[in-house]
Amino acid sequence: MAKDQDSAKPSNRPIWSGSITIGLVNVPVKLYTMIRDQAFSFRFLHNEDGQPLKYERVCSRDNKVIDWKDTVKGYEIRKNEFIVFKKEELDAIRPESDQRIRLEKFISLLSIDPIYFEKSYVLVPDRSEEAYSLLMTVIRQEGKAGMGKITLRTKEYPVIVYEYKGALVLTTLRYANEVTNPGDIEELTKLKKPQKSELELAEKIIKELSGEFDITEYRDGYREKIEKLIEMKMKGEVIVAEVPKKEEVRELMVALQETIKKLGK
């Protein structure tokens, strides 16, 4: 099986093309996927013959399989009652951000709460190298991120555009009403203040485990185990499943003290 690399391979084709605009300045760009989910993908098979299952578009009324050309988009307003939209109706209301990222203001990247970050993409010049380089350089020098909007598929996102490793990167953001306020969760309003002795031990543990951020230290252990399992099955080896042992539940103070001893070794 292929080994993980320190970074994902670049995408072959853009998922969006348009331009970044600041006032009257126009920078044509292409948007490429930057984030690659490395979760393992399984197929559902028929247990009797090991063949893959098909997923078809079946009409809920007459149980007939429907071809793509005979489908339309609809929005359910009441149970089993839909408003139907034609493609040209939806195309007519596509906002400006479908083709243009208008940067309306520049902010400090550090001022953004990370909870609002969603997904990042690479912006590449589209025969606009000079303007692209200028924009990237000034954003890097000023330490700013431009804020605007982009429409991808069926949603308009708030976005930030900033310099990262010699490129302009676009990160979509979540709206305020998409993020739950933890203070509204009842259990969190009833938390008790920790005891001083517990807090002192917890502080020692944090200091012992403190270090610098290095994402390459982390690997997907579950994926590696699945890859090993695949290799074993391809060789016809017998697999013996081992049930992991349950962690012993310890009283908090005991757990803190034992952790300190373990770190001191």
C-alpha atoms as a PDB file:
ATOM      1  CA  MET A   1       0.000   0.000   0.000  1.00  0.00           C
ATOM      2  CA  ALA A   2       1.101   3.586  -0.684  1.00  0.00           C
ATOM      3  CA  LYS A   3       2.687   5.399   2.208  1.00  0.00           C
ATOM      4  CA  ASP A   4       1.377   8.747   3.453  1.00  0.00           C
ATOM      5  CA  GLN A   5       3.309  11.837   2.410  1.00  0.00           C
ATOM      6  CA  ASP A   6       3.907  15.009   4.389  1.00  0.00           C
ATOM      7  CA  SER A   7       1.509  16.849   2.049  1.00  0.00           C
ATOM      8  CA  ALA A   8      -1.255  15.952  -0.398  1.00  0.00           C
ATOM      9  CA  LYS A   9      -0.660  16.036  -4.145  1.00  0.00           C
ATOM     10  CA  PRO A  10      -1.949  19.177  -5.951  1.00  0.00           C
ATOM     11  CA  SER A  11      -5.320  18.917  -7.663  1.00  0.00           C
ATOM     12  CA  ASN A  12      -5.311  18.540 -11.448  1.00  0.00           C
ATOM     13  CA  ARG A  13      -8.239  20.794 -12.260  1.00  0.00           C
ATOM     14  CA  PRO A  14      -9.785  23.940 -10.753  1.00  0.00           C
ATOM     15  CA  ILE A  15     -13.185  23.751  -9.076  1.00  0.00           C
ATOM     16  CA  TRP A  16     -13.977  27.442  -9.709  1.00  0.00           C
ATOM     17  CA  SER A  17     -12.679  30.263 -11.866  1.00  0.00           C
ATOM     18  CA  GLY A  18     -13.380  33.962 -11.671  1.00  0.00           C
ATOM     19  CA  SER A  19     -11.567  36.973 -10.289  1.00  0.00           C
ATOM     20  CA  ILE A  20     -10.562  38.804  -7.133  1.00  0.00           C
ATOM     21  CA  THR A  21     -11.508  42.476  -7.215  1.00  0.00           C
ATOM     22  CA  ILE A  22     -10.403  45.356  -4.999  1.00  0.00           C
ATOM     23  CA  GLY A  23     -12.068  48.549  -6.163  1.00  0.00           C
ATOM     24  CA  LEU A  24     -11.245  48.703  -9.884  1.00  0.00           C
ATOM     25  CA  VAL A  25      -8.342  46.235  -9.631  1.00  0.00           C
ATOM     26  CA  ASN A  26      -9.232  42.866 -11.168  1.00  0.00           C
ATOM     27  CA  VAL A  27      -7.150  39.703 -10.696  1.00  0.00           C
ATOM     28  CA  PRO A  28      -8.403  36.633 -12.646  1.00  0.00           C
ATOM     29  CA  VAL A  29      -7.826  33.446 -10.645  1.00  0.00           C
ATOM     30  CA  LYS A  30      -8.573  29.733 -10.531  1.00  0.00           C
ATOM     31  CA  LEU A  31      -9.507  27.915  -7.334  1.00  0.00           C
ATOM     32  CA  TYR A  32      -7.969  24.520  -6.562  1.00  0.00           C
ATOM     33  CA  THR A  33      -8.757  22.041  -3.807  1.00  0.00           C
ATOM     34  CA  MET A  34      -6.160  22.256  -1.030  1.00  0.00           C
ATOM     35  CA  ILE A  35      -7.611  19.924   1.588  1.00  0.00           C
ATOM     36  CA  ARG A  36      -7.704  16.181   0.857  1.00  0.00           C
ATOM     37  CA  ASP A  37      -9.650  13.988   3.266  1.00  0.00           C
ATOM     38  CA  GLN A  38      -7.597  10.795   3.691  1.00  0.00           C
ATOM     39  CA  ALA A  39     -10.377   8.806   5.389  1.00  0.00           C
ATOM     40  CA  PHE A  40     -10.513   5.217   4.146  1.00  0.00           C
ATOM     41  CA  SER A  41     -13.328   4.564   1.664  1.00  0.00           C
ATOM     42  CA  PHE A  42     -15.267   1.291   1.821  1.00  0.00           C
ATOM     43  CA  ARG A  43     -17.870  -0.042  -0.638  1.00  0.00           C
ATOM     44  CA  PHE A  44     -21.037  -1.809   0.477  1.00  0.00           C
ATOM     45  CA  LEU A  45     -21.209  -5.319  -0.995  1.00  0.00           C
ATOM     46  CA  HIS A  46     -23.822  -8.055  -1.178  1.00  0.00           C
ATOM     47  CA  ASN A  47     -22.869 -10.521   1.568  1.00  0.00           C
ATOM     48  CA  GLU A  48     -23.853 -13.549  -0.509  1.00  0.00           C
ATOM     49  CA  ASP A  49     -21.763 -12.921  -3.632  1.00  0.00           C
ATOM     50  CA  GLY A  50     -19.413 -10.055  -2.660  1.00  0.00           C
ATOM     51  CA  GLN A  51     -20.608  -7.772  -5.465  1.00  0.00           C
ATOM     52  CA  PRO A  52     -20.993  -3.966  -5.052  1.00  0.00           C
ATOM     53  CA  LEU A  53     -24.439  -2.472  -4.464  1.00  0.00           C
ATOM     54  CA  LYS A  54     -25.940   0.153  -6.804  1.00  0.00           C
ATOM     55  CA  TYR A  55     -27.705   3.294  -5.645  1.00  0.00           C
ATOM     56  CA  GLU A  56     -30.451   4.386  -8.002  1.00  0.00           C
ATOM     57  CA  ARG A  57     -32.889   7.301  -8.226  1.00  0.00           C
ATOM     58  CA  VAL A  58     -36.211   5.632  -7.463  1.00  0.00           C
ATOM     59  CA  CYS A  59     -39.489   7.585  -7.521  1.00  0.00           C
ATOM     60  CA  SER A  60     -41.234   7.218  -4.140  1.00  0.00           C
ATOM     61  CA  ARG A  61     -44.674   7.086  -5.823  1.00  0.00           C
ATOM     62  CA  ASP A  62     -44.341   4.539  -8.630  1.00  0.00           C
ATOM     63  CA  ASN A  63     -40.991   2.896  -7.647  1.00  0.00           C
ATOM     64  CA  LYS A  64     -39.578   3.526 -11.139  1.00  0.00           C
ATOM     65  CA  VAL A  65     -35.873   4.252 -11.669  1.00  0.00           C
ATOM     66  CA  ILE A  66     -35.541   7.834 -12.942  1.00  0.00           C
ATOM     67  CA  ASP A  67     -32.893   9.054 -15.404  1.00  0.00           C
ATOM     68  CA  TRP A  68     -30.874  12.180 -14.536  1.00  0.00           C
ATOM     69  CA  LYS A  69     -32.453  14.086 -17.465  1.00  0.00           C
ATOM     70  CA  ASP A  70     -35.884  13.650 -15.872  1.00  0.00           C
ATOM     71  CA  THR A  71     -34.937  15.130 -12.493  1.00  0.00           C
ATOM     72  CA  VAL A  72     -35.552  18.645 -11.156  1.00  0.00           C
ATOM     73  CA  LYS A  73     -34.646  20.344  -7.883  1.00  0.00           C
ATOM     74  CA  GLY A  74     -37.297  20.890  -5.244  1.00  0.00           C
ATOM     75  CA  TYR A  75     -37.618  22.361  -1.767  1.00  0.00           C
ATOM     76  CA  GLU A  76     -39.940  20.706   0.764  1.00  0.00           C
ATOM     77  CA  ILE A  77     -42.241  23.304   2.345  1.00  0.00           C
ATOM     78  CA  ARG A  78     -44.485  20.760   4.090  1.00  0.00           C
ATOM     79  CA  LYS A  79     -44.312  16.974   4.384  1.00  0.00           C
ATOM     80  CA  ASN A  80     -44.340  15.573   0.822  1.00  0.00           C
ATOM     81  CA  GLU A  81     -45.176  19.008  -0.619  1.00  0.00           C
ATOM     82  CA  PHE A  82     -42.477  20.625  -2.743  1.00  0.00           C
ATOM     83  CA  ILE A  83     -41.750  23.814  -4.652  1.00  0.00           C
ATOM     84  CA  VAL A  84     -40.063  22.902  -7.935  1.00  0.00           C
ATOM     85  CA  PHE A  85     -37.223  25.007  -9.359  1.00  0.00           C
ATOM     86  CA  LYS A  86     -36.084  25.069 -12.977  1.00  0.00           C
ATOM     87  CA  LYS A  87     -32.349  25.287 -13.675  1.00  0.00           C
ATOM     88  CA  GLU A  88     -32.715  28.662 -15.402  1.00  0.00           C
ATOM     89  CA  GLU A  89     -34.547  30.077 -12.350  1.00  0.00           C
ATOM     90  CA  LEU A  90     -31.707  29.089 -10.021  1.00  0.00           C
ATOM     91  CA  ASP A  91     -29.068  30.315 -12.499  1.00  0.00           C
ATOM     92  CA  ALA A  92     -30.802  33.717 -12.681  1.00  0.00           C
ATOM     93  CA  ILE A  93     -30.373  34.366  -8.961  1.00  0.00           C
ATOM     94  CA  ARG A  94     -26.707  33.357  -8.699  1.00  0.00           C
ATOM     95  CA  PRO A  95     -24.999  36.254  -6.841  1.00  0.00           C
ATOM     96  CA  GLU A  96     -21.988  38.275  -7.998  1.00  0.00           C
ATOM     97  CA  SER A  97     -19.775  36.064  -5.827  1.00  0.00           C
ATOM     98  CA  ASP A  98     -20.467  33.205  -8.246  1.00  0.00           C
ATOM     99  CA  GLN A  99     -17.847  34.775 -10.528  1.00  0.00           C
ATOM    100  CA  ARG A 100     -16.143  37.471  -8.467  1.00  0.00           C
ATOM    101  CA  ILE A 101     -14.570  37.605  -4.992  1.00  0.00           C
ATOM    102  CA  ARG A 102     -14.892  41.233  -4.014  1.00  0.00           C
ATOM    103  CA  LEU A 103     -12.499  41.980  -1.133  1.00  0.00           C
ATOM    104  CA  GLU A 104     -14.334  44.629   0.850  1.00  0.00           C
ATOM    105  CA  LYS A 105     -11.967  45.061   3.806  1.00  0.00           C
ATOM    106  CA  PHE A 106      -8.658  43.807   5.198  1.00  0.00           C
ATOM    107  CA  ILE A 107      -8.267  42.469   8.718  1.00  0.00           C
ATOM    108  CA  SER A 108      -5.639  40.831  10.908  1.00  0.00           C
ATOM    109  CA  LEU A 109      -5.625  37.072  10.342  1.00  0.00           C
ATOM    110  CA  LEU A 110      -5.000  36.592  14.080  1.00  0.00           C
ATOM    111  CA  SER A 111      -8.222  38.456  14.909  1.00  0.00           C
ATOM    112  CA  ILE A 112     -10.391  35.631  13.492  1.00  0.00           C
ATOM    113  CA  ASP A 113     -11.688  33.018  15.913  1.00  0.00           C
ATOM    114  CA  PRO A 114     -10.533  29.645  14.437  1.00  0.00           C
ATOM    115  CA  ILE A 115     -13.973  28.157  15.175  1.00  0.00           C
ATOM    116  CA  TYR A 116     -15.237  29.971  12.060  1.00  0.00           C
ATOM    117  CA  PHE A 117     -12.674  28.389   9.693  1.00  0.00           C
ATOM    118  CA  GLU A 118     -14.199  25.794   7.392  1.00  0.00           C
ATOM    119  CA  LYS A 119     -12.159  24.731   4.340  1.00  0.00           C
ATOM    120  CA  SER A 120      -9.110  26.119   2.525  1.00  0.00           C
ATOM    121  CA  TYR A 121      -8.352  26.340  -1.210  1.00  0.00           C
ATOM    122  CA  VAL A 122      -5.370  27.522  -3.283  1.00  0.00           C
ATOM    123  CA  LEU A 123      -5.872  30.525  -5.567  1.00  0.00           C
ATOM    124  CA  VAL A 124      -3.745  30.392  -8.748  1.00  0.00           C
ATOM    125  CA  PRO A 125      -3.269  33.230 -11.272  1.00  0.00           C
ATOM    126  CA  ASP A 126      -5.253  32.863 -14.482  1.00  0.00           C
ATOM    127  CA  ARG A 127      -2.961  34.744 -16.921  1.00  0.00           C
ATOM    128  CA  SER A 128      -2.694  37.449 -14.231  1.00  0.00           C
ATOM    129  CA  GLU A 129       0.738  36.718 -12.773  1.00  0.00           C
ATOM    130  CA  GLU A 130       1.787  40.357 -12.354  1.00  0.00           C
ATOM    131  CA  ALA A 131      -1.365  41.477 -10.529  1.00  0.00           C
ATOM    132  CA  TYR A 132      -1.483  38.235  -8.519  1.00  0.00           C
ATOM    133  CA  SER A 133       2.128  38.642  -7.361  1.00  0.00           C
ATOM    134  CA  LEU A 134       1.488  42.252  -6.355  1.00  0.00           C
ATOM    135  CA  LEU A 135      -1.611  41.367  -4.344  1.00  0.00           C
ATOM    136  CA  MET A 136       0.088  38.424  -2.632  1.00  0.00           C
ATOM    137  CA  THR A 137       3.177  40.480  -1.745  1.00  0.00           C
ATOM    138  CA  VAL A 138       1.283  43.412  -0.249  1.00  0.00           C
ATOM    139  CA  ILE A 139      -1.021  41.112   1.764  1.00  0.00           C
ATOM    140  CA  ARG A 140       2.038  39.302   3.147  1.00  0.00           C
ATOM    141  CA  GLN A 141       3.884  42.526   3.978  1.00  0.00           C
ATOM    142  CA  GLU A 142       0.879  44.050   5.734  1.00  0.00           C
ATOM    143  CA  GLY A 143       0.049  40.818   7.568  1.00  0.00           C
ATOM    144  CA  LYS A 144      -3.576  41.126   6.541  1.00  0.00           C
ATOM    145  CA  ALA A 145      -6.368  38.957   5.155  1.00  0.00           C
ATOM    146  CA  GLY A 146      -8.946  40.249   2.708  1.00  0.00           C
ATOM    147  CA  MET A 147     -12.611  39.529   3.471  1.00  0.00           C
ATOM    148  CA  GLY A 148     -15.212  38.831   0.826  1.00  0.00           C
ATOM    149  CA  LYS A 149     -17.681  36.193  -0.394  1.00  0.00           C
ATOM    150  CA  ILE A 150     -17.722  33.299  -2.850  1.00  0.00           C
ATOM    151  CA  THR A 151     -20.529  31.069  -4.129  1.00  0.00           C
ATOM    152  CA  LEU A 152     -19.692  27.365  -4.413  1.00  0.00           C
ATOM    153  CA  ARG A 153     -22.401  24.967  -5.552  1.00  0.00           C
ATOM    154  CA  THR A 154     -25.560  25.974  -3.635  1.00  0.00           C
ATOM    155  CA  LYS A 155     -24.087  28.203  -0.928  1.00  0.00           C
ATOM    156  CA  GLU A 156     -22.540  31.653  -0.643  1.00  0.00           C
ATOM    157  CA  TYR A 157     -19.693  31.665   1.883  1.00  0.00           C
ATOM    158  CA  PRO A 158     -17.888  34.464   3.726  1.00  0.00           C
ATOM    159  CA  VAL A 159     -14.181  34.042   2.921  1.00  0.00           C
ATOM    160  CA  ILE A 160     -10.751  35.341   3.796  1.00  0.00           C
ATOM    161  CA  VAL A 161      -7.885  35.577   1.297  1.00  0.00           C
ATOM    162  CA  TYR A 162      -4.336  35.580   2.687  1.00  0.00           C
ATOM    163  CA  GLU A 163      -0.742  34.652   1.805  1.00  0.00           C
ATOM    164  CA  TYR A 164       0.519  31.179   2.692  1.00  0.00           C
ATOM    165  CA  LYS A 165       3.833  29.652   1.544  1.00  0.00           C
ATOM    166  CA  GLY A 166       4.120  31.764  -1.596  1.00  0.00           C
ATOM    167  CA  ALA A 167       0.482  31.550  -2.662  1.00  0.00           C
ATOM    168  CA  LEU A 168      -2.864  33.202  -2.059  1.00  0.00           C
ATOM    169  CA  VAL A 169      -5.108  30.921  -0.053  1.00  0.00           C
ATOM    170  CA  LEU A 170      -8.869  31.252   0.284  1.00  0.00           C
ATOM    171  CA  THR A 171     -10.566  29.888   3.392  1.00  0.00           C
ATOM    172  CA  THR A 172     -14.341  29.648   3.624  1.00  0.00           C
ATOM    173  CA  LEU A 173     -15.870  30.700   6.936  1.00  0.00           C
ATOM    174  CA  ARG A 174     -18.949  29.599   8.829  1.00  0.00           C
ATOM    175  CA  TYR A 175     -21.726  32.106   9.479  1.00  0.00           C
ATOM    176  CA  ALA A 176     -22.373  33.195  13.071  1.00  0.00           C
ATOM    177  CA  ASN A 177     -25.694  31.308  13.144  1.00  0.00           C
ATOM    178  CA  GLU A 178     -23.918  28.062  12.171  1.00  0.00           C
ATOM    179  CA  VAL A 179     -21.799  27.973  15.343  1.00  0.00           C
ATOM    180  CA  THR A 180     -23.309  26.899  18.645  1.00  0.00           C
ATOM    181  CA  ASN A 181     -22.540  29.057  21.668  1.00  0.00           C
ATOM    182  CA  PRO A 182     -21.162  26.648  24.337  1.00  0.00           C
ATOM    183  CA  GLY A 183     -22.628  28.925  26.998  1.00  0.00           C
ATOM    184  CA  ASP A 184     -26.106  27.832  25.882  1.00  0.00           C
ATOM    185  CA  ILE A 185     -25.429  24.207  26.868  1.00  0.00           C
ATOM    186  CA  GLU A 186     -26.879  23.577  30.336  1.00  0.00           C
ATOM    187  CA  GLU A 187     -24.233  21.105  31.527  1.00  0.00           C
ATOM    188  CA  LEU A 188     -21.478  23.680  30.950  1.00  0.00           C
ATOM    189  CA  THR A 189     -23.193  26.255  33.170  1.00  0.00           C
ATOM    190  CA  LYS A 190     -22.937  23.883  36.149  1.00  0.00           C
ATOM    191  CA  LEU A 191     -19.184  23.241  36.098  1.00  0.00           C
ATOM    192  CA  LYS A 192     -17.508  23.446  39.509  1.00  0.00           C
ATOM    193  CA  LYS A 193     -14.238  25.263  40.132  1.00  0.00           C
ATOM    194  CA  PRO A 194     -11.326  22.751  40.385  1.00  0.00           C
ATOM    195  CA  GLN A 195      -9.540  22.275  43.709  1.00  0.00           C
ATOM    196  CA  LYS A 196      -6.175  23.994  44.123  1.00  0.00           C
ATOM    197  CA  SER A 197      -4.252  20.721  44.562  1.00  0.00           C
ATOM    198  CA  GLU A 198      -5.779  19.265  41.387  1.00  0.00           C
ATOM    199  CA  LEU A 199      -5.053  22.447  39.454  1.00  0.00           C
ATOM    200  CA  GLU A 200      -1.393  22.463  40.510  1.00  0.00           C
ATOM    201  CA  LEU A 201      -0.893  18.877  39.312  1.00  0.00           C
ATOM    202  CA  ALA A 202      -2.723  19.588  36.031  1.00  0.00           C
ATOM    203  CA  GLU A 203      -0.474  22.624  35.438  1.00  0.00           C
ATOM    204  CA  LYS A 204       2.631  20.458  35.940  1.00  0.00           C
ATOM    205  CA  ILE A 205       1.353  17.928  33.390  1.00  0.00           C
ATOM    206  CA  ILE A 206       0.692  20.656  30.805  1.00  0.00           C
ATOM    207  CA  LYS A 207       4.180  22.114  31.314  1.00  0.00           C
ATOM    208  CA  GLU A 208       5.794  18.667  30.961  1.00  0.00           C
ATOM    209  CA  LEU A 209       3.937  18.032  27.710  1.00  0.00           C
ATOM    210  CA  SER A 210       4.429  21.502  26.213  1.00  0.00           C
ATOM    211  CA  GLY A 211       6.222  21.794  22.849  1.00  0.00           C
ATOM    212  CA  GLU A 212       6.136  23.292  19.348  1.00  0.00           C
ATOM    213  CA  PHE A 213       3.423  22.592  16.787  1.00  0.00           C
ATOM    214  CA  ASP A 214       4.501  20.019  14.182  1.00  0.00           C
ATOM    215  CA  ILE A 215       1.632  18.348  12.322  1.00  0.00           C
ATOM    216  CA  THR A 216       4.003  15.836  10.679  1.00  0.00           C
ATOM    217  CA  GLU A 217       4.387  14.144  14.088  1.00  0.00           C
ATOM    218  CA  TYR A 218       0.846  12.819  13.680  1.00  0.00           C
ATOM    219  CA  ARG A 219      -0.118   9.930  11.423  1.00  0.00           C
ATOM    220  CA  ASP A 220      -3.424   8.187  10.758  1.00  0.00           C
ATOM    221  CA  GLY A 221      -2.883   5.017  12.767  1.00  0.00           C
ATOM    222  CA  TYR A 222      -6.303   3.626  11.873  1.00  0.00           C
ATOM    223  CA  ARG A 223      -5.596   3.981   8.146  1.00  0.00           C
ATOM    224  CA  GLU A 224      -2.215   2.258   8.549  1.00  0.00           C
ATOM    225  CA  LYS A 225      -3.877  -0.653  10.355  1.00  0.00           C
ATOM    226  CA  ILE A 226      -6.492  -1.000   7.583  1.00  0.00           C
ATOM    227  CA  GLU A 227      -3.732  -0.984   4.928  1.00  0.00           C
ATOM    228  CA  LYS A 228      -1.906  -3.713   6.866  1.00  0.00           C
ATOM    229  CA  LEU A 229      -5.156  -5.688   7.116  1.00  0.00           C
ATOM    230  CA  ILE A 230      -5.662  -5.405   3.343  1.00  0.00           C
ATOM    231  CA  GLU A 231      -2.142  -6.691   2.692  1.00  0.00           C
ATOM    232  CA  MET A 232      -2.724  -9.640   5.029  1.00  0.00           C
ATOM    233  CA  LYS A 233      -6.046 -10.512   3.365  1.00  0.00           C
ATOM    234  CA  MET A 234      -4.482 -10.274  -0.116  1.00  0.00           C
ATOM    235  CA  LYS A 235      -1.876 -12.821   1.041  1.00  0.00           C
ATOM    236  CA  GLY A 236      -4.633 -15.092   2.336  1.00  0.00           C
ATOM    237  CA  GLU A 237      -3.518 -14.824   5.950  1.00  0.00           C
ATOM    238  CA  VAL A 238      -5.937 -15.663   8.772  1.00  0.00           C
ATOM    239  CA  ILE A 239      -7.021 -12.580  10.710  1.00  0.00           C
ATOM    240  CA  VAL A 240      -7.511 -12.874  14.462  1.00  0.00           C
ATOM    241  CA  ALA A 241      -9.404  -9.876  15.828  1.00  0.00           C
ATOM    242  CA  GLU A 242      -8.066  -8.581  19.133  1.00  0.00           C
ATOM    243  CA  VAL A 243     -10.494  -6.765  21.415  1.00  0.00           C
ATOM    244  CA  PRO A 244      -8.739  -3.695  22.919  1.00  0.00           C
ATOM    245  CA  LYS A 245      -8.502  -3.623  26.693  1.00  0.00           C
ATOM    246  CA  LYS A 246     -10.691  -1.106  28.477  1.00  0.00           C
ATOM    247  CA  GLU A 247      -8.916   1.687  30.312  1.00  0.00           C
ATOM    248  CA  GLU A 248      -9.226   1.473  34.089  1.00  0.00           C
ATOM    249  CA  VAL A 249     -11.286   4.347  35.476  1.00  0.00           C
ATOM    250  CA  ARG A 250      -9.317   6.108  38.219  1.00  0.00           C
ATOM    251  CA  GLU A 251     -10.311   8.759  40.709  1.00  0.00           C
ATOM    252  CA  LEU A 252      -9.198  12.184  39.380  1.00  0.00           C
ATOM    253  CA  MET A 253      -6.512  12.953  42.006  1.00  0.00           C
ATOM    254  CA  VAL A 254      -5.025   9.450  41.671  1.00  0.00           C
ATOM    255  CA  ALA A 255      -4.959   9.754  37.881  1.00  0.00           C
ATOM    256  CA  LEU A 256      -3.182  13.123  38.099  1.00  0.00           C
ATOM    257  CA  GLN A 257      -0.551  11.806  40.522  1.00  0.00           C
ATOM    258  CA  GLU A 258       0.124   8.674  38.457  1.00  0.00           C
ATOM    259  CA  THR A 259       0.468  10.780  35.311  1.00  0.00           C
ATOM    260  CA  ILE A 260       3.075  12.987  37.000  1.00  0.00           C
ATOM    261  CA  LYS A 261       5.059   9.887  38.043  1.00  0.00           C
ATOM    262  CA  LYS A 262       4.888   8.457  34.535  1.00  0.00           C
ATOM    263  CA  LEU A 263       6.118  11.707  32.963  1.00  0.00           C
ATOM    264  CA  GLY A 264       9.004  11.849  35.469  1.00  0.00           C
ATOM    265  CA  LYS A 265      10.470   8.564  34.272  1.00  0.00           C
END
